[in-house]
Amino acid sequence: MTNQRDLLIRGSEKVIVHYELLLASAKSEHERELYRQRIEREKRLIRDLQGEPDRRAA
């Protein structure tokens, strides 16, 4: 199970890097916000996979 979790975490980390590149070259505020939201979603997925509590729930 740990190997699958590690694989999913690495995949999300790669997705974040790609979205950060897209964010850096975004042409509009709408695009930037979209990429920020997607980055945050991937970070939440990583936290969930690592078993960390969601800080927003506090």
C-alpha atoms as a PDB file:
ATOM      1  CA  MET A   1       0.000   0.000   0.000  1.00  0.00           C
ATOM      2  CA  THR A   2       2.843   2.382   0.792  1.00  0.00           C
ATOM      3  CA  ASN A   3       4.289   1.973  -2.692  1.00  0.00           C
ATOM      4  CA  GLN A   4       0.969   2.959  -4.243  1.00  0.00           C
ATOM      5  CA  ARG A   5       0.687   5.943  -1.919  1.00  0.00           C
ATOM      6  CA  ASP A   6       4.246   7.033  -2.731  1.00  0.00           C
ATOM      7  CA  LEU A   7       3.494   6.710  -6.437  1.00  0.00           C
ATOM      8  CA  LEU A   8       0.371   8.859  -6.091  1.00  0.00           C
ATOM      9  CA  ILE A   9       2.273  11.472  -4.081  1.00  0.00           C
ATOM     10  CA  ARG A  10       5.056  11.650  -6.679  1.00  0.00           C
ATOM     11  CA  GLY A  11       2.448  11.964  -9.415  1.00  0.00           C
ATOM     12  CA  SER A  12       0.743  14.852  -7.621  1.00  0.00           C
ATOM     13  CA  GLU A  13       4.106  16.540  -7.093  1.00  0.00           C
ATOM     14  CA  LYS A  14       4.776  16.325 -10.834  1.00  0.00           C
ATOM     15  CA  VAL A  15       1.345  17.743 -11.591  1.00  0.00           C
ATOM     16  CA  ILE A  16       2.068  20.662  -9.243  1.00  0.00           C
ATOM     17  CA  VAL A  17       5.314  21.420 -11.074  1.00  0.00           C
ATOM     18  CA  HIS A  18       3.464  21.499 -14.393  1.00  0.00           C
ATOM     19  CA  TYR A  19       0.752  23.778 -13.024  1.00  0.00           C
ATOM     20  CA  GLU A  20       3.419  26.082 -11.564  1.00  0.00           C
ATOM     21  CA  LEU A  21       4.963  26.384 -15.027  1.00  0.00           C
ATOM     22  CA  LEU A  22       1.567  27.149 -16.511  1.00  0.00           C
ATOM     23  CA  LEU A  23       0.895  29.662 -13.731  1.00  0.00           C
ATOM     24  CA  ALA A  24       4.139  31.479 -14.504  1.00  0.00           C
ATOM     25  CA  SER A  25       3.093  31.928 -18.130  1.00  0.00           C
ATOM     26  CA  ALA A  26      -0.617  32.571 -17.579  1.00  0.00           C
ATOM     27  CA  LYS A  27      -2.012  35.354 -19.726  1.00  0.00           C
ATOM     28  CA  SER A  28      -4.973  36.357 -17.591  1.00  0.00           C
ATOM     29  CA  GLU A  29      -6.021  36.567 -13.964  1.00  0.00           C
ATOM     30  CA  HIS A  30      -8.656  33.926 -14.689  1.00  0.00           C
ATOM     31  CA  GLU A  31      -5.950  31.487 -15.837  1.00  0.00           C
ATOM     32  CA  ARG A  32      -3.762  32.288 -12.830  1.00  0.00           C
ATOM     33  CA  GLU A  33      -6.626  31.639 -10.425  1.00  0.00           C
ATOM     34  CA  LEU A  34      -7.477  28.379 -12.169  1.00  0.00           C
ATOM     35  CA  TYR A  35      -3.888  27.131 -11.833  1.00  0.00           C
ATOM     36  CA  ARG A  36      -3.671  28.266  -8.200  1.00  0.00           C
ATOM     37  CA  GLN A  37      -6.821  26.306  -7.410  1.00  0.00           C
ATOM     38  CA  ARG A  38      -5.506  23.209  -9.137  1.00  0.00           C
ATOM     39  CA  ILE A  39      -2.178  23.466  -7.308  1.00  0.00           C
ATOM     40  CA  GLU A  40      -3.984  23.759  -3.989  1.00  0.00           C
ATOM     41  CA  ARG A  41      -6.167  20.756  -4.845  1.00  0.00           C
ATOM     42  CA  GLU A  42      -3.073  18.647  -5.580  1.00  0.00           C
ATOM     43  CA  LYS A  43      -1.461  19.804  -2.325  1.00  0.00           C
ATOM     44  CA  ARG A  44      -4.595  18.756  -0.433  1.00  0.00           C
ATOM     45  CA  LEU A  45      -4.446  15.357  -2.114  1.00  0.00           C
ATOM     46  CA  ILE A  46      -0.830  14.967  -1.007  1.00  0.00           C
ATOM     47  CA  ARG A  47      -1.728  15.943   2.581  1.00  0.00           C
ATOM     48  CA  ASP A  48      -4.583  13.432   2.552  1.00  0.00           C
ATOM     49  CA  LEU A  49      -2.304  10.691   1.254  1.00  0.00           C
ATOM     50  CA  GLN A  50       0.269  11.511   3.932  1.00  0.00           C
ATOM     51  CA  GLY A  51      -2.424  11.433   6.600  1.00  0.00           C
ATOM     52  CA  GLU A  52      -2.029  15.077   7.595  1.00  0.00           C
ATOM     53  CA  PRO A  53      -5.105  16.874   8.934  1.00  0.00           C
ATOM     54  CA  ASP A  54      -6.681  19.541   6.765  1.00  0.00           C
ATOM     55  CA  ARG A  55      -5.697  22.904   8.258  1.00  0.00           C
ATOM     56  CA  ARG A  56      -8.781  24.587   6.795  1.00  0.00           C
ATOM     57  CA  ALA A  57     -11.045  22.486   9.061  1.00  0.00           C
ATOM     58  CA  ALA A  58      -9.691  24.185  12.211  1.00  0.00           C
END
